Amino acid sequence: MRTHKNMKQKWYVMLLFVPIVGLFVACENFLDVPPTSELESVYFENENRVDRGMGAIYSELGVLYCPNMDNGAFHAGPLGKLWLSGDDLTVQNNGNLQFEGFVSLTTGDGTVLSYWDILYALIARANFMLEKLEDPEVVAVIETPGKANWRKGEALFLRSWANIRLWDSFRKAPNQYYRIKSIEDSYLPPTKGFELLDQAIGDLEVAVDLLPDSWDDKNKGRVFKNSARGLLVKAYMLRACYADQYDGGNRTGDYNNAITWFERIDNSVSTIEGIPFGDNFDIRKENNAESLFEYQASENIKEDNPWLNGNFGGDAGAMGATYIQYWEHQHTNYMCGSVFGPTQKLIDAFEDGDPRFDETILNRNEGGKEGFDWLSGDWYNFNGYQFIKYINGERRGDLDHQYGVTSGNNPRLLRLADVKLAVAEAYLQTGNEPAARQQLNDIRHRARLSTPDGTESPVPADFTTTITMDNIINERLVELAGEEDIRFSDMKRWHAAGYIDLVEWAEQPYEMWGYDEANKINPFEFNVEKNLLLPIPQSEISANPLMQADGNNPGYF
């Protein structure tokens, strides 16, 4: 394990007693046999134990980013398969058609089931720690001033992050806002409308007051005030775009709330100016000033085994992350079923001379193949283009030494550029076009300064006349291409708000989704009444009578 990531060294030490604590507590008074593991009632004996409990929440992120996204279902596949529904990434040979071609996605899909289960496992751990942090005896062992509040803020943020994903992907996922202690408590009803999203927003607004402004180097990687402010911007943008679909919607009010929280973010302009675009994907520049939240990827002590998750607390199990760039490797190709690359739409979206192109895409036809021999025959897919955002040049980073599948390079889950481009929409839609244009120009100016030698490129030029939603949509494509669960989420909310029409897009998939003859997706069966949401896993429907009574999302049976 690399020692320069201080926080990463702690998170793999995972508490596994939580699911079975009720059994031990129930037996404590009438069993004379000593328990074989520590009881919940005595575990939190010092501040370090509280820190470990908090680390357990963060560590569940590692299960999302391991190659199998393993919740116990072997070969569920990596999380990134879910991102293929957008127009920025594609696959070779019609692999993963259920997500990219919207074909035959069922309620029993293992990737969807794992995604659901892991998000709820993260929420359960957050609820456990939030309950403990209300216990005076636990709070009493925390000696560092302010830390009890910091830990509450972290737990609220992480629960909110998971709830936002559940709302965006499944919409009526249950709101598990307290610790489940019995079977009866576990039967939660489906949420309606904005209920789950509003839970996340409320939690984040509390978290802002609890979290610290920043962390010292030893604690880098933990969320802080600006993390919550940035996620609030994103949450309110979701709420605004769907305002016409649910009771309580207020598009203008939600746009204004997004603006309010954005304007409370510290140093939003100077931070962007001081960080080259490529630094945001460089293993040597993790947790930089633009980063608001990232998973702290690492390598396990013995081996980073991609066929195991890190929850069992041993010295072998995946702690690294699997990226689309690594999926042409024989092991990851085996697990993912295909090779991933850029759509022709993404390739064509960059202006000639935009430094972000060379940081994002490599063109075999123009040379520059040195250092990428490992791509082998896959070099010739996608008309000779490769998506290299996290592996360009020396920032390829550490692959695990045993299998070469996972990377120690952190997935950046939320960065300031994303927030600035999101709030640009809010400014534009509330009549402040100059402020919207400024957000885009900040991003474009930083792009011009992101050349290898730091000399300013003339491209992309600042916008000097009125911008439109199309300008924002295109800028988000080139700036955020292939990043964390962004593009299809954007497309869905823009459709809901009426800024694009995905019904028309589905009639022209090769133009609007960005495919070409060499990488044709066939069949392509997008249905706007069905494919804007994922199916609720059948196991959840079967186990929860309240969910069963309400039924699955439209189009899934």
Protein backbone atom coordinates (compact mmCIF):
# COMPACT_ATOMS: atom_id res chain seq x y z
CA MET A 1 0.00 0.00 0.00
CA ARG A 2 1.33 3.43 -0.87
CA THR A 3 2.03 5.45 2.24
CA HIS A 4 1.48 8.95 0.83
CA LYS A 5 -2.30 8.60 1.04
CA ASN A 6 -2.75 8.96 4.77
CA MET A 7 -6.49 8.56 4.87
CA LYS A 8 -6.43 5.55 2.57
CA GLN A 9 -4.31 3.62 5.02
CA LYS A 10 -7.18 3.58 7.51
CA TRP A 11 -10.30 2.92 5.46
CA TYR A 12 -9.74 -0.71 4.71
CA VAL A 13 -9.96 -1.47 8.46
CA MET A 14 -13.68 -2.10 8.22
CA LEU A 15 -16.15 -2.86 10.99
CA LEU A 16 -18.17 -5.88 10.02
CA PHE A 17 -20.07 -6.28 13.27
CA VAL A 18 -22.87 -3.88 12.35
CA PRO A 19 -25.30 -6.37 10.68
CA ILE A 20 -25.04 -8.86 13.53
CA VAL A 21 -24.93 -6.47 16.44
CA GLY A 22 -28.61 -6.97 17.24
CA LEU A 23 -28.04 -10.69 17.73
CA PHE A 24 -25.18 -10.15 20.18
CA VAL A 25 -27.03 -7.47 22.13
CA ALA A 26 -30.13 -9.62 22.41
CA CYS A 27 -28.11 -12.49 23.82
CA GLU A 28 -25.85 -10.44 26.05
CA ASN A 29 -27.95 -10.72 29.21
CA PHE A 30 -28.52 -14.48 29.22
CA LEU A 31 -25.52 -16.09 27.58
CA ASP A 32 -22.47 -16.90 29.62
CA VAL A 33 -20.38 -17.76 26.57
CA PRO A 34 -18.06 -14.83 25.77
CA PRO A 35 -18.75 -13.28 22.35
CA THR A 36 -16.19 -13.94 19.65
CA SER A 37 -16.07 -10.31 18.53
CA GLU A 38 -16.46 -6.93 20.19
CA LEU A 39 -19.92 -5.83 21.19
CA GLU A 40 -21.35 -2.63 19.85
CA SER A 41 -21.99 -1.51 23.40
CA VAL A 42 -18.27 -1.45 24.22
CA TYR A 43 -16.67 -0.86 20.85
CA PHE A 44 -16.59 2.96 20.90
CA GLU A 45 -14.10 3.24 23.73
CA ASN A 46 -11.97 6.03 22.26
CA GLU A 47 -11.81 8.61 19.49
CA ASN A 48 -9.93 6.31 17.16
CA ARG A 49 -12.81 3.85 17.21
CA VAL A 50 -15.21 6.63 16.18
CA ASP A 51 -12.87 7.51 13.32
CA ARG A 52 -12.87 3.88 12.21
CA GLY A 53 -16.64 3.82 12.21
CA MET A 54 -16.65 6.87 9.96
CA GLY A 55 -14.05 5.29 7.71
CA ALA A 56 -16.45 2.39 7.23
CA ILE A 57 -18.85 4.70 5.38
CA TYR A 58 -16.16 6.02 3.05
CA SER A 59 -14.84 2.52 2.44
CA GLU A 60 -18.14 1.36 0.98
CA LEU A 61 -17.35 3.61 -1.98
CA GLY A 62 -14.58 1.17 -2.78
CA VAL A 63 -17.14 -1.55 -3.44
CA LEU A 64 -18.71 0.67 -6.11
CA TYR A 65 -15.39 1.16 -7.87
CA CYS A 66 -13.96 -2.35 -7.73
CA PRO A 67 -14.11 -4.25 -11.05
CA ASN A 68 -16.97 -6.51 -9.99
CA MET A 69 -18.95 -3.88 -8.04
CA ASP A 70 -19.39 -6.91 -5.83
CA ASN A 71 -22.33 -7.11 -3.46
CA GLY A 72 -22.03 -10.88 -3.35
CA ALA A 73 -23.17 -11.40 -6.95
CA PHE A 74 -20.12 -12.57 -8.87
CA HIS A 75 -19.22 -10.58 -11.97
CA ALA A 76 -21.83 -7.86 -11.57
CA GLY A 77 -19.48 -5.74 -13.66
CA PRO A 78 -18.02 -2.30 -13.05
CA LEU A 79 -20.06 0.78 -12.26
CA GLY A 80 -19.03 2.54 -15.47
CA LYS A 81 -21.25 0.26 -17.54
CA LEU A 82 -24.16 2.39 -16.32
CA TRP A 83 -22.63 5.51 -17.90
CA LEU A 84 -22.87 4.13 -21.44
CA SER A 85 -26.38 5.50 -21.91
CA GLY A 86 -24.93 8.94 -22.66
CA ASP A 87 -23.49 10.33 -25.87
CA ASP A 88 -19.82 10.60 -24.83
CA LEU A 89 -18.74 6.94 -24.50
CA THR A 90 -19.38 3.83 -26.55
CA VAL A 91 -18.29 0.22 -26.75
CA GLN A 92 -16.90 -2.12 -29.33
CA ASN A 93 -18.96 -4.94 -30.86
CA ASN A 94 -22.31 -4.04 -29.32
CA GLY A 95 -21.17 -5.03 -25.84
CA ASN A 96 -23.40 -4.00 -22.92
CA LEU A 97 -26.42 -3.36 -25.11
CA GLN A 98 -28.71 -3.26 -22.08
CA PHE A 99 -27.23 0.11 -21.08
CA GLU A 100 -26.08 1.61 -24.37
CA GLY A 101 -28.71 0.27 -26.77
CA PHE A 102 -31.43 0.17 -24.07
CA VAL A 103 -32.09 -3.46 -25.01
CA SER A 104 -33.35 -6.21 -22.68
CA LEU A 105 -32.57 -4.50 -19.40
CA THR A 106 -34.43 -6.56 -16.82
CA THR A 107 -35.31 -6.31 -13.15
CA GLY A 108 -32.79 -9.08 -12.45
CA ASP A 109 -29.78 -7.29 -13.94
CA GLY A 110 -26.76 -7.93 -11.70
CA THR A 111 -25.13 -4.54 -12.28
CA VAL A 112 -28.29 -2.66 -11.33
CA LEU A 113 -28.81 -4.89 -8.29
CA SER A 114 -25.26 -4.33 -7.06
CA TYR A 115 -25.56 -0.58 -7.57
CA TRP A 116 -28.78 -0.48 -5.52
CA ASP A 117 -27.43 -2.72 -2.75
CA ILE A 118 -24.13 -0.87 -2.35
CA LEU A 119 -25.77 2.55 -2.17
CA TYR A 120 -28.09 1.28 0.56
CA ALA A 121 -25.18 -0.35 2.39
CA LEU A 122 -23.44 3.05 2.40
CA ILE A 123 -26.63 4.67 3.72
CA ALA A 124 -26.97 2.03 6.44
CA ARG A 125 -23.43 2.71 7.64
CA ALA A 126 -24.09 6.44 7.65
CA ASN A 127 -27.27 5.92 9.69
CA PHE A 128 -25.42 3.72 12.16
CA MET A 129 -22.78 6.39 12.79
CA LEU A 130 -25.34 9.18 12.95
CA GLU A 131 -27.14 7.25 15.68
CA LYS A 132 -23.89 6.68 17.58
CA LEU A 133 -22.93 10.34 17.30
CA GLU A 134 -26.13 11.20 19.17
CA ASP A 135 -25.11 8.91 22.06
CA PRO A 136 -23.58 11.01 24.89
CA GLU A 137 -21.27 8.17 25.88
CA VAL A 138 -19.83 7.96 22.37
CA VAL A 139 -19.50 11.73 22.02
CA ALA A 140 -17.69 11.82 25.37
CA VAL A 141 -14.75 9.79 24.02
CA ILE A 142 -14.12 12.32 21.22
CA GLU A 143 -11.35 14.56 22.53
CA THR A 144 -10.67 16.72 19.47
CA PRO A 145 -12.75 19.93 19.61
CA GLY A 146 -15.36 20.05 16.85
CA LYS A 147 -14.78 16.49 15.63
CA ALA A 148 -18.19 15.15 16.70
CA ASN A 149 -19.86 17.72 14.45
CA TRP A 150 -17.41 17.09 11.63
CA ARG A 151 -18.18 13.39 11.69
CA LYS A 152 -21.94 14.06 11.65
CA GLY A 153 -21.46 16.36 8.68
CA GLU A 154 -19.46 13.71 6.82
CA ALA A 155 -22.11 11.05 7.45
CA LEU A 156 -24.89 13.38 6.28
CA PHE A 157 -22.95 14.28 3.13
CA LEU A 158 -22.28 10.67 2.21
CA ARG A 159 -25.89 9.66 2.83
CA SER A 160 -27.00 12.57 0.66
CA TRP A 161 -24.63 11.63 -2.15
CA ALA A 162 -26.09 8.11 -2.21
CA ASN A 163 -29.69 9.36 -2.02
CA ILE A 164 -29.18 11.74 -4.94
CA ARG A 165 -27.93 8.84 -7.04
CA LEU A 166 -30.85 6.66 -5.99
CA TRP A 167 -33.34 9.41 -6.84
CA ASP A 168 -31.77 10.15 -10.21
CA SER A 169 -31.50 6.48 -11.22
CA PHE A 170 -34.59 4.90 -9.62
CA ARG A 171 -36.74 7.85 -8.50
CA LYS A 172 -39.00 6.05 -5.98
CA ALA A 173 -36.28 4.32 -3.98
CA PRO A 174 -37.22 4.14 -0.25
CA ASN A 175 -35.97 6.82 2.10
CA GLN A 176 -33.89 4.95 4.69
CA TYR A 177 -33.13 7.88 7.00
CA TYR A 178 -32.70 5.94 10.26
CA ARG A 179 -30.91 2.82 11.40
CA ILE A 180 -32.76 -0.40 10.60
CA LYS A 181 -32.88 -2.68 13.66
CA SER A 182 -35.61 -5.18 12.80
CA ILE A 183 -37.23 -6.89 9.85
CA GLU A 184 -40.37 -4.82 10.39
CA ASP A 185 -38.38 -1.57 10.18
CA SER A 186 -36.90 -2.64 6.87
CA TYR A 187 -40.22 -2.52 4.99
CA LEU A 188 -39.99 1.05 3.77
CA PRO A 189 -42.48 2.50 1.28
CA PRO A 190 -41.45 3.86 -2.11
CA THR A 191 -40.85 7.57 -2.11
CA LYS A 192 -42.93 9.96 -4.17
CA GLY A 193 -41.90 12.95 -6.24
CA PHE A 194 -39.07 14.94 -4.69
CA GLU A 195 -39.19 13.20 -1.30
CA LEU A 196 -35.82 11.44 -1.55
CA LEU A 197 -34.09 14.36 -3.26
CA ASP A 198 -35.44 16.72 -0.59
CA GLN A 199 -34.08 14.42 2.12
CA ALA A 200 -30.65 14.77 0.53
CA ILE A 201 -30.96 18.54 0.22
CA GLY A 202 -32.03 18.90 3.85
CA ASP A 203 -29.14 16.74 5.03
CA LEU A 204 -26.63 18.73 2.99
CA GLU A 205 -27.87 22.05 4.33
CA VAL A 206 -27.29 20.76 7.86
CA ALA A 207 -23.92 19.30 6.88
CA VAL A 208 -22.65 22.66 5.64
CA ASP A 209 -22.84 24.05 9.18
CA LEU A 210 -21.17 20.98 10.71
CA LEU A 211 -18.27 20.37 8.33
CA PRO A 212 -14.92 22.16 8.60
CA ASP A 213 -13.75 24.68 6.01
CA SER A 214 -10.85 22.39 5.10
CA TRP A 215 -8.68 19.53 6.38
CA ASP A 216 -5.00 19.23 7.11
CA ASP A 217 -2.81 17.08 4.84
CA LYS A 218 -3.26 14.05 7.08
CA ASN A 219 -7.02 14.09 6.48
CA LYS A 220 -7.11 15.07 2.82
CA GLY A 221 -9.88 13.25 1.01
CA ARG A 222 -12.56 13.92 3.60
CA VAL A 223 -15.51 16.06 2.55
CA PHE A 224 -15.67 19.67 3.76
CA LYS A 225 -17.97 22.70 3.55
CA ASN A 226 -17.41 23.36 -0.14
CA SER A 227 -18.13 19.69 -0.88
CA ALA A 228 -21.63 20.10 0.56
CA ARG A 229 -22.15 23.46 -1.15
CA GLY A 230 -21.16 22.04 -4.52
CA LEU A 231 -23.41 19.00 -4.14
CA LEU A 232 -26.27 21.30 -3.14
CA VAL A 233 -25.85 23.15 -6.43
CA LYS A 234 -26.14 19.89 -8.32
CA ALA A 235 -29.14 18.73 -6.25
CA TYR A 236 -31.05 21.96 -6.76
CA MET A 237 -30.31 21.83 -10.50
CA LEU A 238 -31.92 18.39 -10.61
CA ARG A 239 -34.92 19.68 -8.69
CA ALA A 240 -35.29 22.70 -10.99
CA CYS A 241 -35.19 20.67 -14.20
CA TYR A 242 -37.89 18.25 -12.97
CA ALA A 243 -40.04 21.01 -11.45
CA ASP A 244 -42.94 20.50 -13.84
CA GLN A 245 -43.22 16.77 -13.13
CA TYR A 246 -43.85 16.70 -9.38
CA ASP A 247 -45.85 18.54 -6.76
CA GLY A 248 -43.83 21.19 -4.97
CA GLY A 249 -41.75 22.00 -8.01
CA ASN A 250 -40.56 25.59 -8.31
CA ARG A 251 -38.10 25.94 -11.15
CA THR A 252 -37.15 29.56 -10.59
CA GLY A 253 -36.89 29.06 -6.84
CA ASP A 254 -34.66 26.02 -7.24
CA TYR A 255 -32.43 27.79 -9.76
CA ASN A 256 -32.07 30.63 -7.29
CA ASN A 257 -31.21 28.18 -4.50
CA ALA A 258 -28.50 26.66 -6.71
CA ILE A 259 -27.10 30.15 -7.31
CA THR A 260 -27.18 30.97 -3.59
CA TRP A 261 -25.19 27.88 -2.67
CA PHE A 262 -22.74 28.39 -5.52
CA GLU A 263 -22.01 31.94 -4.42
CA ARG A 264 -21.10 30.62 -0.96
CA ILE A 265 -18.34 28.41 -2.39
CA ASP A 266 -14.95 29.85 -1.46
CA ASN A 267 -12.50 30.98 -4.17
CA SER A 268 -14.45 29.46 -7.06
CA VAL A 269 -12.76 31.59 -9.73
CA SER A 270 -9.17 31.66 -8.49
CA THR A 271 -9.21 27.91 -7.89
CA ILE A 272 -10.10 27.14 -11.51
CA GLU A 273 -7.49 29.57 -12.85
CA GLY A 274 -4.71 27.99 -10.84
CA ILE A 275 -5.19 24.33 -11.82
CA PRO A 276 -4.46 22.98 -15.32
CA PHE A 277 -7.25 20.82 -16.73
CA GLY A 278 -5.15 17.64 -16.75
CA ASP A 279 -4.26 17.95 -13.05
CA ASN A 280 -7.81 16.87 -12.23
CA PHE A 281 -7.10 13.36 -13.52
CA ASP A 282 -3.48 12.98 -12.45
CA ILE A 283 -2.56 10.50 -9.73
CA ARG A 284 0.14 12.94 -8.64
CA LYS A 285 -2.42 15.74 -8.10
CA GLU A 286 -5.14 13.98 -6.15
CA ASN A 287 -7.34 15.98 -3.75
CA ASN A 288 -6.30 19.26 -5.34
CA ALA A 289 -8.03 22.56 -4.69
CA GLU A 290 -10.61 22.00 -7.44
CA SER A 291 -11.66 18.63 -6.07
CA LEU A 292 -14.76 18.65 -3.92
CA PHE A 293 -15.09 14.89 -3.47
CA GLU A 294 -13.16 11.86 -4.69
CA TYR A 295 -12.88 8.20 -3.78
CA GLN A 296 -9.51 7.49 -2.19
CA ALA A 297 -8.32 4.59 -4.33
CA SER A 298 -5.32 2.57 -3.21
CA GLU A 299 -3.84 -0.93 -3.29
CA ASN A 300 -4.37 -3.52 -0.60
CA ILE A 301 -1.44 -4.69 1.50
CA LYS A 302 -1.14 -8.18 0.07
CA GLU A 303 -2.84 -7.78 -3.31
CA ASP A 304 -5.59 -5.71 -4.84
CA ASN A 305 -7.66 -8.67 -5.91
CA PRO A 306 -10.34 -7.52 -8.39
CA TRP A 307 -12.49 -10.57 -7.70
CA LEU A 308 -12.94 -9.59 -4.05
CA ASN A 309 -14.29 -6.45 -2.44
CA GLY A 310 -12.66 -4.85 0.58
CA ASN A 311 -15.46 -5.39 3.09
CA PHE A 312 -14.15 -8.52 4.74
CA GLY A 313 -11.31 -6.64 6.42
CA GLY A 314 -8.51 -8.87 5.16
CA ASP A 315 -5.25 -8.00 3.43
CA ALA A 316 -6.43 -8.94 -0.09
CA GLY A 317 -9.38 -7.31 -1.80
CA ALA A 318 -10.04 -4.50 -4.26
CA MET A 319 -9.31 -1.02 -2.92
CA GLY A 320 -8.35 0.42 -6.29
CA ALA A 321 -10.66 1.75 -8.97
CA THR A 322 -11.51 0.41 -12.40
CA TYR A 323 -11.66 2.98 -15.18
CA ILE A 324 -12.95 2.74 -18.70
CA GLN A 325 -9.40 3.33 -19.88
CA TYR A 326 -8.30 0.03 -18.39
CA TRP A 327 -11.13 -2.08 -19.70
CA GLU A 328 -9.27 -3.21 -22.80
CA HIS A 329 -7.03 -5.29 -20.51
CA GLN A 330 -7.78 -9.01 -20.86
CA HIS A 331 -9.15 -9.33 -17.31
CA THR A 332 -11.36 -6.26 -17.44
CA ASN A 333 -12.53 -7.04 -20.95
CA TYR A 334 -13.57 -10.43 -19.59
CA MET A 335 -15.53 -8.81 -16.77
CA CYS A 336 -17.03 -5.97 -18.82
CA GLY A 337 -17.68 -7.83 -22.05
CA SER A 338 -16.35 -5.16 -24.37
CA VAL A 339 -13.80 -2.44 -25.04
CA PHE A 340 -14.76 1.16 -24.28
CA GLY A 341 -13.89 4.35 -26.17
CA PRO A 342 -15.04 7.81 -27.29
CA THR A 343 -18.05 8.36 -29.52
CA GLN A 344 -17.50 10.15 -32.80
CA LYS A 345 -19.70 12.93 -31.41
CA LEU A 346 -17.26 13.49 -28.56
CA ILE A 347 -14.27 13.41 -30.90
CA ASP A 348 -15.89 16.03 -33.14
CA ALA A 349 -17.08 18.23 -30.26
CA PHE A 350 -13.64 19.69 -29.48
CA GLU A 351 -12.55 22.78 -31.36
CA ASP A 352 -9.28 22.37 -33.24
CA GLY A 353 -6.51 23.48 -30.90
CA ASP A 354 -8.45 23.01 -27.64
CA PRO A 355 -5.82 21.65 -25.20
CA ARG A 356 -8.50 19.51 -23.56
CA PHE A 357 -8.61 17.27 -26.62
CA ASP A 358 -5.05 16.03 -26.13
CA GLU A 359 -5.74 15.53 -22.43
CA THR A 360 -8.85 13.45 -23.18
CA ILE A 361 -8.38 11.65 -26.51
CA LEU A 362 -5.38 10.16 -28.30
CA ASN A 363 -5.41 9.85 -32.09
CA ARG A 364 -3.42 6.95 -33.56
CA ASN A 365 -3.67 8.52 -37.00
CA GLU A 366 -1.56 11.47 -35.87
CA GLY A 367 1.16 9.49 -34.08
CA GLY A 368 1.84 9.83 -30.39
CA LYS A 369 1.46 6.12 -29.76
CA GLU A 370 4.58 5.94 -27.61
CA GLY A 371 3.88 4.63 -24.13
CA PHE A 372 0.60 3.00 -25.18
CA ASP A 373 1.91 -0.28 -26.55
CA TRP A 374 -0.16 -2.08 -23.91
CA LEU A 375 -3.29 -1.16 -25.92
CA SER A 376 -2.21 -3.81 -28.44
CA GLY A 377 -4.91 -4.59 -31.01
CA ASP A 378 -7.44 -2.41 -29.21
CA TRP A 379 -5.49 0.59 -30.46
CA TYR A 380 -7.33 0.23 -33.75
CA ASN A 381 -10.86 0.48 -32.36
CA PHE A 382 -12.95 3.65 -32.60
CA ASN A 383 -11.28 4.75 -35.85
CA GLY A 384 -7.94 4.89 -34.08
CA TYR A 385 -9.01 7.09 -31.16
CA GLN A 386 -8.62 6.21 -27.49
CA PHE A 387 -10.11 7.78 -24.38
CA ILE A 388 -7.13 8.52 -22.11
CA LYS A 389 -8.34 11.07 -19.57
CA TYR A 390 -6.96 9.29 -16.50
CA ILE A 391 -3.94 7.68 -18.16
CA ASN A 392 -2.45 10.36 -20.40
CA GLY A 393 1.33 10.53 -20.29
CA GLU A 394 2.95 10.09 -16.90
CA ARG A 395 -0.37 10.24 -15.08
CA ARG A 396 -1.23 6.69 -16.04
CA GLY A 397 -0.54 5.92 -12.40
CA ASP A 398 -0.26 2.72 -10.46
CA LEU A 399 -1.98 -0.41 -11.69
CA ASP A 400 -2.25 -3.12 -9.10
CA HIS A 401 0.86 -5.26 -9.21
CA GLN A 402 -0.80 -8.67 -9.13
CA TYR A 403 -3.38 -8.39 -11.93
CA GLY A 404 -2.92 -4.98 -13.55
CA VAL A 405 -6.66 -4.32 -13.41
CA THR A 406 -7.34 -1.69 -10.74
CA SER A 407 -5.75 1.74 -10.42
CA GLY A 408 -4.67 3.75 -7.41
CA ASN A 409 -5.73 6.94 -9.21
CA ASN A 410 -8.73 8.46 -7.46
CA PRO A 411 -12.06 8.74 -9.30
CA ARG A 412 -13.01 12.42 -9.04
CA LEU A 413 -16.65 12.33 -7.98
CA LEU A 414 -17.33 16.07 -7.82
CA ARG A 415 -15.15 18.90 -9.03
CA LEU A 416 -15.63 22.63 -9.22
CA ALA A 417 -15.76 22.84 -13.03
CA ASP A 418 -18.86 20.63 -13.00
CA VAL A 419 -20.51 22.90 -10.43
CA LYS A 420 -19.64 26.08 -12.35
CA LEU A 421 -21.05 24.75 -15.59
CA ALA A 422 -24.19 23.56 -13.77
CA VAL A 423 -24.84 26.92 -12.16
CA ALA A 424 -24.33 28.59 -15.54
CA GLU A 425 -27.68 27.06 -16.48
CA ALA A 426 -29.29 28.55 -13.38
CA TYR A 427 -27.95 32.01 -14.18
CA LEU A 428 -29.09 31.74 -17.80
CA GLN A 429 -32.57 30.52 -16.92
CA THR A 430 -33.09 33.28 -14.34
CA GLY A 431 -32.15 36.06 -16.75
CA ASN A 432 -28.55 36.69 -15.74
CA GLU A 433 -26.87 35.76 -19.01
CA PRO A 434 -23.64 37.69 -18.28
CA ALA A 435 -23.07 35.63 -15.11
CA ALA A 436 -23.78 32.43 -17.04
CA ARG A 437 -21.34 33.43 -19.76
CA GLN A 438 -18.70 34.20 -17.14
CA GLN A 439 -18.88 30.66 -15.78
CA LEU A 440 -18.27 29.22 -19.25
CA ASN A 441 -15.48 31.68 -19.94
CA ASP A 442 -13.74 30.78 -16.66
CA ILE A 443 -13.69 27.16 -17.80
CA ARG A 444 -12.56 28.03 -21.32
CA HIS A 445 -9.82 30.34 -20.06
CA ARG A 446 -8.47 27.58 -17.85
CA ALA A 447 -8.56 25.26 -20.88
CA ARG A 448 -6.41 27.69 -22.87
CA LEU A 449 -3.81 27.66 -20.10
CA SER A 450 -3.70 23.85 -20.02
CA THR A 451 -1.10 23.35 -22.73
CA PRO A 452 1.95 21.16 -21.94
CA ASP A 453 4.25 24.17 -21.49
CA GLY A 454 1.64 26.48 -19.98
CA THR A 455 1.62 28.96 -22.86
CA GLU A 456 -1.86 30.23 -23.60
CA SER A 457 -3.64 28.74 -26.58
CA PRO A 458 -6.02 30.91 -28.62
CA VAL A 459 -8.60 28.11 -28.44
CA PRO A 460 -11.20 27.94 -27.03
CA ALA A 461 -11.87 31.66 -27.19
CA ASP A 462 -14.08 33.44 -24.69
CA PHE A 463 -17.73 33.89 -25.58
CA THR A 464 -18.20 37.59 -26.28
CA THR A 465 -21.87 37.54 -27.28
CA THR A 466 -24.98 36.07 -25.70
CA ILE A 467 -24.73 32.35 -24.94
CA THR A 468 -27.50 29.77 -25.21
CA MET A 469 -28.30 26.45 -23.57
CA ASP A 470 -26.65 24.76 -26.54
CA ASN A 471 -23.37 26.43 -25.58
CA ILE A 472 -23.67 25.09 -22.03
CA ILE A 473 -24.64 21.60 -23.23
CA ASN A 474 -21.61 21.46 -25.56
CA GLU A 475 -19.21 22.88 -22.98
CA ARG A 476 -20.25 20.26 -20.44
CA LEU A 477 -19.61 17.55 -23.05
CA VAL A 478 -15.99 18.52 -23.75
CA GLU A 479 -15.08 19.51 -20.18
CA LEU A 480 -16.71 16.58 -18.35
CA ALA A 481 -16.50 13.81 -20.97
CA GLY A 482 -16.45 10.33 -19.48
CA GLU A 483 -16.53 11.60 -15.91
CA GLU A 484 -18.52 10.35 -12.99
CA ASP A 485 -22.17 9.59 -13.82
CA ILE A 486 -22.64 12.99 -15.47
CA ARG A 487 -23.63 12.91 -19.11
CA PHE A 488 -26.78 10.77 -19.13
CA SER A 489 -27.95 12.44 -15.93
CA ASP A 490 -27.57 15.76 -17.75
CA MET A 491 -29.41 14.49 -20.81
CA LYS A 492 -32.33 13.25 -18.71
CA ARG A 493 -32.77 16.49 -16.78
CA TRP A 494 -32.42 18.63 -19.92
CA HIS A 495 -35.16 16.53 -21.52
CA ALA A 496 -37.37 17.00 -18.46
CA ALA A 497 -36.82 20.76 -18.60
CA GLY A 498 -37.51 20.91 -22.35
CA TYR A 499 -34.00 21.98 -23.38
CA ILE A 500 -33.54 18.87 -25.54
CA ASP A 501 -35.99 16.26 -26.82
CA LEU A 502 -34.76 12.71 -26.33
CA VAL A 503 -37.67 11.41 -28.39
CA GLU A 504 -36.16 13.17 -31.39
CA TRP A 505 -32.67 12.05 -30.36
CA ALA A 506 -33.86 8.45 -30.37
CA GLU A 507 -34.99 8.88 -33.98
CA GLN A 508 -31.43 9.90 -34.94
CA PRO A 509 -29.21 7.82 -32.64
CA TYR A 510 -26.16 7.85 -34.88
CA GLU A 511 -26.15 11.62 -35.11
CA MET A 512 -27.44 12.60 -31.66
CA TRP A 513 -25.90 9.78 -29.59
CA GLY A 514 -22.69 10.07 -31.56
CA TYR A 515 -22.20 6.65 -33.12
CA ASP A 516 -20.83 5.97 -36.59
CA GLU A 517 -20.83 3.07 -39.00
CA ALA A 518 -17.67 1.57 -37.47
CA ASN A 519 -19.18 1.57 -33.96
CA LYS A 520 -22.85 1.16 -34.70
CA ILE A 521 -25.13 0.23 -31.80
CA ASN A 522 -27.66 -2.22 -33.14
CA PRO A 523 -30.33 -2.70 -32.03
CA PHE A 524 -31.05 0.68 -30.43
CA GLU A 525 -34.39 0.68 -28.62
CA PHE A 526 -34.59 3.84 -26.51
CA ASN A 527 -38.06 4.42 -25.07
CA VAL A 528 -38.52 7.74 -23.31
CA GLU A 529 -41.35 6.31 -21.19
CA LYS A 530 -39.06 3.58 -19.86
CA ASN A 531 -35.36 4.24 -20.24
CA LEU A 532 -34.99 7.44 -18.23
CA LEU A 533 -34.93 5.27 -15.10
CA LEU A 534 -33.38 1.96 -14.12
CA PRO A 535 -35.57 -0.92 -12.95
CA ILE A 536 -36.05 -1.47 -9.25
CA PRO A 537 -34.25 -4.80 -8.60
CA GLN A 538 -36.66 -7.71 -8.48
CA SER A 539 -35.14 -8.88 -5.20
CA GLU A 540 -36.26 -5.61 -3.58
CA ILE A 541 -39.73 -5.84 -5.09
CA SER A 542 -40.12 -9.44 -3.89
CA ALA A 543 -38.79 -8.81 -0.37
CA ASN A 544 -40.67 -5.58 0.37
CA PRO A 545 -44.49 -5.83 0.23
CA LEU A 546 -44.81 -2.03 0.14
CA MET A 547 -42.64 -1.83 -2.97
CA GLN A 548 -44.42 -4.83 -4.46
CA ALA A 549 -47.80 -3.15 -4.04
CA ASP A 550 -46.57 -0.04 -5.81
CA GLY A 551 -44.94 -1.90 -8.70
CA ASN A 552 -41.77 -1.29 -10.65
CA ASN A 553 -40.76 1.71 -12.71
CA PRO A 554 -42.70 2.13 -15.99
CA GLY A 555 -41.86 -0.49 -18.60
CA TYR A 556 -40.24 -2.99 -16.22
CA PHE A 557 -42.02 -6.14 -15.10
